[in-house]
Amino acid sequence: MARKAAESIDFDLMSKKRFHLLFRKFIYRNVVPSNPRRAAKNISYKLAVRERVGNFHEVDCGYTGEQARNEVSRCLRCDVRL
């Protein structure tokens, strides 16, 4: 329902049907990877507990670019045994 509301609001504001262009088509395939590799989980940098006191800085600083690329290439099919 939220997507329909957003599409309607976008059309009212822009006078064009363009909302569908914002999303890529995604087709999920329930296929087991042919050659799964074991890969370590990436750990994002977090502020030390002492640095968290007395401020509103972000605690979890997220992945670096390389860590993000490594994380998305991991096999997340827990039912596959190596």
PDB file of N, CA and C in Angstrom:
ATOM      1  N   MET A   1       0.819  -1.181   0.000  1.00  0.00           N
ATOM      2  CA  MET A   1       0.000   0.000   0.000  1.00  0.00           C
ATOM      3  C   MET A   1       0.872   1.259   0.000  1.00  0.00           C
ATOM      4  N   ALA A   2       2.017   1.195   0.697  1.00  0.00           N
ATOM      5  CA  ALA A   2       2.899   2.362   0.759  1.00  0.00           C
ATOM      6  C   ALA A   2       3.475   2.677  -0.616  1.00  0.00           C
ATOM      7  N   ARG A   3       3.795   1.634  -1.367  1.00  0.00           N
ATOM      8  CA  ARG A   3       4.345   1.864  -2.709  1.00  0.00           C
ATOM      9  C   ARG A   3       3.289   2.510  -3.613  1.00  0.00           C
ATOM     10  N   LYS A   4       2.048   2.057  -3.508  1.00  0.00           N
ATOM     11  CA  LYS A   4       0.970   2.659  -4.313  1.00  0.00           C
ATOM     12  C   LYS A   4       0.774   4.118  -3.933  1.00  0.00           C
ATOM     13  N   ALA A   5       0.831   4.418  -2.626  1.00  0.00           N
ATOM     14  CA  ALA A   5       0.686   5.800  -2.170  1.00  0.00           C
ATOM     15  C   ALA A   5       1.823   6.662  -2.699  1.00  0.00           C
ATOM     16  N   ALA A   6       3.058   6.151  -2.632  1.00  0.00           N
ATOM     17  CA  ALA A   6       4.208   6.903  -3.126  1.00  0.00           C
ATOM     18  C   ALA A   6       4.099   7.134  -4.626  1.00  0.00           C
ATOM     19  N   GLU A   7       3.636   6.130  -5.356  1.00  0.00           N
ATOM     20  CA  GLU A   7       3.468   6.275  -6.795  1.00  0.00           C
ATOM     21  C   GLU A   7       2.423   7.342  -7.110  1.00  0.00           C
ATOM     22  N   SER A   8       1.333   7.349  -6.365  1.00  0.00           N
ATOM     23  CA  SER A   8       0.282   8.340  -6.567  1.00  0.00           C
ATOM     24  C   SER A   8       0.780   9.750  -6.249  1.00  0.00           C
ATOM     25  N   ILE A   9       1.519   9.894  -5.174  1.00  0.00           N
ATOM     26  CA  ILE A   9       2.069  11.205  -4.801  1.00  0.00           C
ATOM     27  C   ILE A   9       3.056  11.684  -5.854  1.00  0.00           C
ATOM     28  N   ASP A  10       3.920  10.785  -6.327  1.00  0.00           N
ATOM     29  CA  ASP A  10       4.885  11.147  -7.360  1.00  0.00           C
ATOM     30  C   ASP A  10       4.180  11.604  -8.629  1.00  0.00           C
ATOM     31  N   PHE A  11       3.122  10.908  -9.010  1.00  0.00           N
ATOM     32  CA  PHE A  11       2.371  11.299 -10.205  1.00  0.00           C
ATOM     33  C   PHE A  11       1.716  12.666 -10.028  1.00  0.00           C
ATOM     34  N   ASP A  12       1.157  12.907  -8.845  1.00  0.00           N
ATOM     35  CA  ASP A  12       0.528  14.213  -8.584  1.00  0.00           C
ATOM     36  C   ASP A  12       1.546  15.341  -8.644  1.00  0.00           C
ATOM     37  N   LEU A  13       2.750  15.097  -8.151  1.00  0.00           N
ATOM     38  CA  LEU A  13       3.769  16.150  -8.127  1.00  0.00           C
ATOM     39  C   LEU A  13       4.439  16.357  -9.476  1.00  0.00           C
ATOM     40  N   MET A  14       4.680  15.284 -10.201  1.00  0.00           N
ATOM     41  CA  MET A  14       5.466  15.369 -11.434  1.00  0.00           C
ATOM     42  C   MET A  14       4.622  15.322 -12.709  1.00  0.00           C
ATOM     43  N   SER A  15       3.370  14.956 -12.606  1.00  0.00           N
ATOM     44  CA  SER A  15       2.474  14.828 -13.762  1.00  0.00           C
ATOM     45  C   SER A  15       2.997  13.849 -14.803  1.00  0.00           C
ATOM     46  N   LYS A  16       3.778  12.877 -14.371  1.00  0.00           N
ATOM     47  CA  LYS A  16       4.298  11.827 -15.258  1.00  0.00           C
ATOM     48  C   LYS A  16       4.271  10.514 -14.502  1.00  0.00           C
ATOM     49  N   LYS A  17       4.038   9.435 -15.235  1.00  0.00           N
ATOM     50  CA  LYS A  17       4.142   8.103 -14.637  1.00  0.00           C
ATOM     51  C   LYS A  17       5.589   7.659 -14.796  1.00  0.00           C
ATOM     52  N   ARG A  18       6.387   7.865 -13.762  1.00  0.00           N
ATOM     53  CA  ARG A  18       7.814   7.529 -13.817  1.00  0.00           C
ATOM     54  C   ARG A  18       8.265   6.708 -12.621  1.00  0.00           C
ATOM     55  N   PHE A  19       7.363   6.402 -11.721  1.00  0.00           N
ATOM     56  CA  PHE A  19       7.712   5.728 -10.482  1.00  0.00           C
ATOM     57  C   PHE A  19       8.320   4.352 -10.739  1.00  0.00           C
ATOM     58  N   HIS A  20       7.830   3.644 -11.744  1.00  0.00           N
ATOM     59  CA  HIS A  20       8.330   2.303 -12.050  1.00  0.00           C
ATOM     60  C   HIS A  20       9.794   2.318 -12.488  1.00  0.00           C
ATOM     61  N   LEU A  21      10.313   3.467 -12.900  1.00  0.00           N
ATOM     62  CA  LEU A  21      11.701   3.560 -13.344  1.00  0.00           C
ATOM     63  C   LEU A  21      12.687   3.546 -12.167  1.00  0.00           C
ATOM     64  N   LEU A  22      12.186   3.736 -10.965  1.00  0.00           N
ATOM     65  CA  LEU A  22      13.058   3.796  -9.798  1.00  0.00           C
ATOM     66  C   LEU A  22      13.533   2.429  -9.342  1.00  0.00           C
ATOM     67  N   PHE A  23      12.899   1.372  -9.784  1.00  0.00           N
ATOM     68  CA  PHE A  23      13.204   0.038  -9.278  1.00  0.00           C
ATOM     69  C   PHE A  23      13.668  -0.870 -10.396  1.00  0.00           C
ATOM     70  N   ARG A  24      14.721  -1.625 -10.115  1.00  0.00           N
ATOM     71  CA  ARG A  24      15.167  -2.637 -11.071  1.00  0.00           C
ATOM     72  C   ARG A  24      14.324  -3.881 -10.907  1.00  0.00           C
ATOM     73  N   LYS A  25      14.180  -4.619 -11.984  1.00  0.00           N
ATOM     74  CA  LYS A  25      13.505  -5.906 -11.885  1.00  0.00           C
ATOM     75  C   LYS A  25      14.452  -6.875 -11.201  1.00  0.00           C
ATOM     76  N   PHE A  26      13.945  -7.601 -10.235  1.00  0.00           N
ATOM     77  CA  PHE A  26      14.746  -8.582  -9.517  1.00  0.00           C
ATOM     78  C   PHE A  26      14.049  -9.918  -9.599  1.00  0.00           C
ATOM     79  N   ILE A  27      14.767 -10.891 -10.095  1.00  0.00           N
ATOM     80  CA  ILE A  27      14.223 -12.240 -10.209  1.00  0.00           C
ATOM     81  C   ILE A  27      15.025 -13.133  -9.278  1.00  0.00           C
ATOM     82  N   TYR A  28      14.377 -13.633  -8.249  1.00  0.00           N
ATOM     83  CA  TYR A  28      15.039 -14.510  -7.294  1.00  0.00           C
ATOM     84  C   TYR A  28      15.041 -15.925  -7.832  1.00  0.00           C
ATOM     85  N   ARG A  29      16.213 -16.509  -7.846  1.00  0.00           N
ATOM     86  CA  ARG A  29      16.336 -17.902  -8.278  1.00  0.00           C
ATOM     87  C   ARG A  29      16.756 -18.733  -7.081  1.00  0.00           C
ATOM     88  N   ASN A  30      16.028 -19.745  -6.787  1.00  0.00           N
ATOM     89  CA  ASN A  30      16.337 -20.626  -5.669  1.00  0.00           C
ATOM     90  C   ASN A  30      17.269 -21.732  -6.149  1.00  0.00           C
ATOM     91  N   VAL A  31      18.495 -21.331  -6.513  1.00  0.00           N
ATOM     92  CA  VAL A  31      19.470 -22.249  -7.082  1.00  0.00           C
ATOM     93  C   VAL A  31      20.660 -22.341  -6.130  1.00  0.00           C
ATOM     94  N   VAL A  32      21.111 -23.544  -5.865  1.00  0.00           N
ATOM     95  CA  VAL A  32      22.297 -23.737  -5.047  1.00  0.00           C
ATOM     96  C   VAL A  32      23.518 -23.353  -5.872  1.00  0.00           C
ATOM     97  N   PRO A  33      24.433 -22.539  -5.325  1.00  0.00           N
ATOM     98  CA  PRO A  33      25.637 -22.180  -6.082  1.00  0.00           C
ATOM     99  C   PRO A  33      26.419 -23.424  -6.480  1.00  0.00           C
ATOM    100  N   SER A  34      26.950 -23.433  -7.704  1.00  0.00           N
ATOM    101  CA  SER A  34      27.641 -24.619  -8.200  1.00  0.00           C
ATOM    102  C   SER A  34      28.992 -24.826  -7.533  1.00  0.00           C
ATOM    103  N   ASN A  35      29.638 -23.747  -7.105  1.00  0.00           N
ATOM    104  CA  ASN A  35      30.953 -23.864  -6.501  1.00  0.00           C
ATOM    105  C   ASN A  35      31.054 -22.943  -5.283  1.00  0.00           C
ATOM    106  N   PRO A  36      30.331 -23.259  -4.199  1.00  0.00           N
ATOM    107  CA  PRO A  36      30.397 -22.370  -3.034  1.00  0.00           C
ATOM    108  C   PRO A  36      31.756 -22.451  -2.358  1.00  0.00           C
ATOM    109  N   ARG A  37      32.240 -21.290  -1.897  1.00  0.00           N
ATOM    110  CA  ARG A  37      33.522 -21.225  -1.197  1.00  0.00           C
ATOM    111  C   ARG A  37      33.279 -20.788   0.234  1.00  0.00           C
ATOM    112  N   ARG A  38      34.125 -21.251   1.115  1.00  0.00           N
ATOM    113  CA  ARG A  38      34.069 -20.821   2.497  1.00  0.00           C
ATOM    114  C   ARG A  38      34.702 -19.432   2.572  1.00  0.00           C
ATOM    115  N   ALA A  39      34.016 -18.500   3.205  1.00  0.00           N
ATOM    116  CA  ALA A  39      34.529 -17.139   3.342  1.00  0.00           C
ATOM    117  C   ALA A  39      34.220 -16.627   4.742  1.00  0.00           C
ATOM    118  N   ALA A  40      35.165 -15.922   5.301  1.00  0.00           N
ATOM    119  CA  ALA A  40      34.975 -15.378   6.638  1.00  0.00           C
ATOM    120  C   ALA A  40      33.990 -14.214   6.600  1.00  0.00           C
ATOM    121  N   LYS A  41      33.236 -14.080   7.679  1.00  0.00           N
ATOM    122  CA  LYS A  41      32.308 -12.967   7.798  1.00  0.00           C
ATOM    123  C   LYS A  41      33.099 -11.686   8.049  1.00  0.00           C
ATOM    124  N   ASN A  42      32.688 -10.604   7.423  1.00  0.00           N
ATOM    125  CA  ASN A  42      33.341  -9.318   7.625  1.00  0.00           C
ATOM    126  C   ASN A  42      32.762  -8.646   8.860  1.00  0.00           C
ATOM    127  N   ILE A  43      33.620  -8.071   9.661  1.00  0.00           N
ATOM    128  CA  ILE A  43      33.204  -7.375  10.867  1.00  0.00           C
ATOM    129  C   ILE A  43      33.391  -5.879  10.647  1.00  0.00           C
ATOM    130  N   SER A  44      32.327  -5.123  10.815  1.00  0.00           N
ATOM    131  CA  SER A  44      32.430  -3.677  10.622  1.00  0.00           C
ATOM    132  C   SER A  44      33.071  -3.017  11.830  1.00  0.00           C
ATOM    133  N   TYR A  45      33.677  -1.875  11.611  1.00  0.00           N
ATOM    134  CA  TYR A  45      34.331  -1.133  12.679  1.00  0.00           C
ATOM    135  C   TYR A  45      33.276  -0.513  13.591  1.00  0.00           C
ATOM    136  N   LYS A  46      33.489  -0.654  14.901  1.00  0.00           N
ATOM    137  CA  LYS A  46      32.577  -0.064  15.880  1.00  0.00           C
ATOM    138  C   LYS A  46      33.394   0.784  16.840  1.00  0.00           C
ATOM    139  N   LEU A  47      32.803   1.881  17.302  1.00  0.00           N
ATOM    140  CA  LEU A  47      33.479   2.725  18.277  1.00  0.00           C
ATOM    141  C   LEU A  47      33.691   1.952  19.573  1.00  0.00           C
ATOM    142  N   ALA A  48      34.829   2.200  20.209  1.00  0.00           N
ATOM    143  CA  ALA A  48      35.094   1.587  21.510  1.00  0.00           C
ATOM    144  C   ALA A  48      34.084   2.127  22.516  1.00  0.00           C
ATOM    145  N   VAL A  49      33.801   1.345  23.542  1.00  0.00           N
ATOM    146  CA  VAL A  49      32.793   1.722  24.529  1.00  0.00           C
ATOM    147  C   VAL A  49      33.138   3.060  25.182  1.00  0.00           C
ATOM    148  N   ARG A  50      34.398   3.294  25.487  1.00  0.00           N
ATOM    149  CA  ARG A  50      34.806   4.555  26.117  1.00  0.00           C
ATOM    150  C   ARG A  50      34.549   5.757  25.209  1.00  0.00           C
ATOM    151  N   GLU A  51      34.639   5.570  23.905  1.00  0.00           N
ATOM    152  CA  GLU A  51      34.421   6.666  22.963  1.00  0.00           C
ATOM    153  C   GLU A  51      32.938   6.968  22.758  1.00  0.00           C
ATOM    154  N   ARG A  52      32.069   6.072  23.170  1.00  0.00           N
ATOM    155  CA  ARG A  52      30.627   6.250  22.971  1.00  0.00           C
ATOM    156  C   ARG A  52      29.995   7.157  24.027  1.00  0.00           C
ATOM    157  N   VAL A  53      30.635   7.294  25.151  1.00  0.00           N
ATOM    158  CA  VAL A  53      30.071   8.045  26.271  1.00  0.00           C
ATOM    159  C   VAL A  53      30.152   9.543  25.994  1.00  0.00           C
ATOM    160  N   GLY A  54      29.038  10.239  26.213  1.00  0.00           N
ATOM    161  CA  GLY A  54      29.015  11.698  26.145  1.00  0.00           C
ATOM    162  C   GLY A  54      28.894  12.281  24.760  1.00  0.00           C
ATOM    163  N   ASN A  55      28.503  11.491  23.753  1.00  0.00           N
ATOM    164  CA  ASN A  55      28.304  12.054  22.417  1.00  0.00           C
ATOM    165  C   ASN A  55      27.227  11.260  21.677  1.00  0.00           C
ATOM    166  N   PHE A  56      26.896  11.738  20.519  1.00  0.00           N
ATOM    167  CA  PHE A  56      25.883  11.074  19.712  1.00  0.00           C
ATOM    168  C   PHE A  56      26.476  10.564  18.398  1.00  0.00           C
ATOM    169  N   HIS A  57      27.755  10.217  18.413  1.00  0.00           N
ATOM    170  CA  HIS A  57      28.403   9.712  17.209  1.00  0.00           C
ATOM    171  C   HIS A  57      27.859   8.328  16.857  1.00  0.00           C
ATOM    172  N   GLU A  58      27.935   8.006  15.588  1.00  0.00           N
ATOM    173  CA  GLU A  58      27.490   6.699  15.121  1.00  0.00           C
ATOM    174  C   GLU A  58      28.373   5.619  15.739  1.00  0.00           C
ATOM    175  N   VAL A  59      27.770   4.577  16.284  1.00  0.00           N
ATOM    176  CA  VAL A  59      28.522   3.511  16.944  1.00  0.00           C
ATOM    177  C   VAL A  59      29.044   2.520  15.918  1.00  0.00           C
ATOM    178  N   ASP A  60      28.196   2.081  15.021  1.00  0.00           N
ATOM    179  CA  ASP A  60      28.586   1.131  13.988  1.00  0.00           C
ATOM    180  C   ASP A  60      28.938   1.921  12.739  1.00  0.00           C
ATOM    181  N   CYS A  61      30.211   1.900  12.371  1.00  0.00           N
ATOM    182  CA  CYS A  61      30.696   2.734  11.263  1.00  0.00           C
ATOM    183  C   CYS A  61      30.547   2.061   9.905  1.00  0.00           C
ATOM    184  N   GLY A  62      30.068   0.824   9.867  1.00  0.00           N
ATOM    185  CA  GLY A  62      29.795   0.156   8.598  1.00  0.00           C
ATOM    186  C   GLY A  62      31.033  -0.470   7.973  1.00  0.00           C
ATOM    187  N   TYR A  63      30.852  -0.999   6.771  1.00  0.00           N
ATOM    188  CA  TYR A  63      31.924  -1.671   6.046  1.00  0.00           C
ATOM    189  C   TYR A  63      32.714  -0.685   5.204  1.00  0.00           C
ATOM    190  N   THR A  64      33.966  -1.023   4.951  1.00  0.00           N
ATOM    191  CA  THR A  64      34.727  -0.321   3.934  1.00  0.00           C
ATOM    192  C   THR A  64      34.229  -0.835   2.583  1.00  0.00           C
ATOM    193  N   GLY A  65      34.644  -0.223   1.506  1.00  0.00           N
ATOM    194  CA  GLY A  65      34.230  -0.679   0.178  1.00  0.00           C
ATOM    195  C   GLY A  65      34.640  -2.106  -0.099  1.00  0.00           C
ATOM    196  N   GLU A  66      35.856  -2.447   0.278  1.00  0.00           N
ATOM    197  CA  GLU A  66      36.349  -3.811   0.044  1.00  0.00           C
ATOM    198  C   GLU A  66      35.584  -4.828   0.887  1.00  0.00           C
ATOM    199  N   GLN A  67      35.301  -4.483   2.144  1.00  0.00           N
ATOM    200  CA  GLN A  67      34.532  -5.386   3.000  1.00  0.00           C
ATOM    201  C   GLN A  67      33.135  -5.595   2.440  1.00  0.00           C
ATOM    202  N   ALA A  68      32.517  -4.551   1.923  1.00  0.00           N
ATOM    203  CA  ALA A  68      31.177  -4.672   1.356  1.00  0.00           C
ATOM    204  C   ALA A  68      31.183  -5.594   0.147  1.00  0.00           C
ATOM    205  N   ARG A  69      32.177  -5.448  -0.726  1.00  0.00           N
ATOM    206  CA  ARG A  69      32.262  -6.338  -1.893  1.00  0.00           C
ATOM    207  C   ARG A  69      32.482  -7.782  -1.470  1.00  0.00           C
ATOM    208  N   ASN A  70      33.306  -7.995  -0.452  1.00  0.00           N
ATOM    209  CA  ASN A  70      33.536  -9.357   0.045  1.00  0.00           C
ATOM    210  C   ASN A  70      32.272  -9.938   0.659  1.00  0.00           C
ATOM    211  N   GLU A  71      31.527  -9.119   1.368  1.00  0.00           N
ATOM    212  CA  GLU A  71      30.323  -9.595   2.048  1.00  0.00           C
ATOM    213  C   GLU A  71      29.239 -10.014   1.054  1.00  0.00           C
ATOM    214  N   VAL A  72      29.065  -9.255  -0.018  1.00  0.00           N
ATOM    215  CA  VAL A  72      28.013  -9.609  -0.976  1.00  0.00           C
ATOM    216  C   VAL A  72      28.377 -10.819  -1.819  1.00  0.00           C
ATOM    217  N   SER A  73      29.651 -11.172  -1.861  1.00  0.00           N
ATOM    218  CA  SER A  73      30.037 -12.348  -2.646  1.00  0.00           C
ATOM    219  C   SER A  73      29.959 -13.634  -1.832  1.00  0.00           C
ATOM    220  N   ARG A  74      29.691 -13.518  -0.531  1.00  0.00           N
ATOM    221  CA  ARG A  74      29.580 -14.712   0.309  1.00  0.00           C
ATOM    222  C   ARG A  74      28.310 -15.484  -0.011  1.00  0.00           C
ATOM    223  N   CYS A  75      28.399 -16.798   0.110  1.00  0.00           N
ATOM    224  CA  CYS A  75      27.216 -17.647  -0.052  1.00  0.00           C
ATOM    225  C   CYS A  75      26.435 -17.596   1.249  1.00  0.00           C
ATOM    226  N   LEU A  76      25.170 -17.251   1.178  1.00  0.00           N
ATOM    227  CA  LEU A  76      24.332 -17.164   2.374  1.00  0.00           C
ATOM    228  C   LEU A  76      23.327 -18.313   2.444  1.00  0.00           C
ATOM    229  N   ARG A  77      23.543 -19.311   1.629  1.00  0.00           N
ATOM    230  CA  ARG A  77      22.672 -20.490   1.648  1.00  0.00           C
ATOM    231  C   ARG A  77      23.118 -21.410   2.772  1.00  0.00           C
ATOM    232  N   CYS A  78      22.489 -21.299   3.923  1.00  0.00           N
ATOM    233  CA  CYS A  78      22.902 -22.061   5.107  1.00  0.00           C
ATOM    234  C   CYS A  78      22.635 -23.551   4.973  1.00  0.00           C
ATOM    235  N   ASP A  79      21.818 -23.930   4.006  1.00  0.00           N
ATOM    236  CA  ASP A  79      21.533 -25.352   3.835  1.00  0.00           C
ATOM    237  C   ASP A  79      22.578 -26.058   2.983  1.00  0.00           C
ATOM    238  N   VAL A  80      23.539 -25.309   2.443  1.00  0.00           N
ATOM    239  CA  VAL A  80      24.598 -25.899   1.617  1.00  0.00           C
ATOM    240  C   VAL A  80      25.766 -26.257   2.522  1.00  0.00           C
ATOM    241  N   ARG A  81      26.197 -27.493   2.459  1.00  0.00           N
ATOM    242  CA  ARG A  81      27.334 -27.953   3.262  1.00  0.00           C
ATOM    243  C   ARG A  81      28.575 -27.990   2.388  1.00  0.00           C
ATOM    244  N   LEU A  82      29.675 -27.468   2.901  1.00  0.00           N
ATOM    245  CA  LEU A  82      30.929 -27.481   2.127  1.00  0.00           C
ATOM    246  C   LEU A  82      31.694 -28.752   2.391  1.00  0.00           C
TER     247      LEU A  82
END
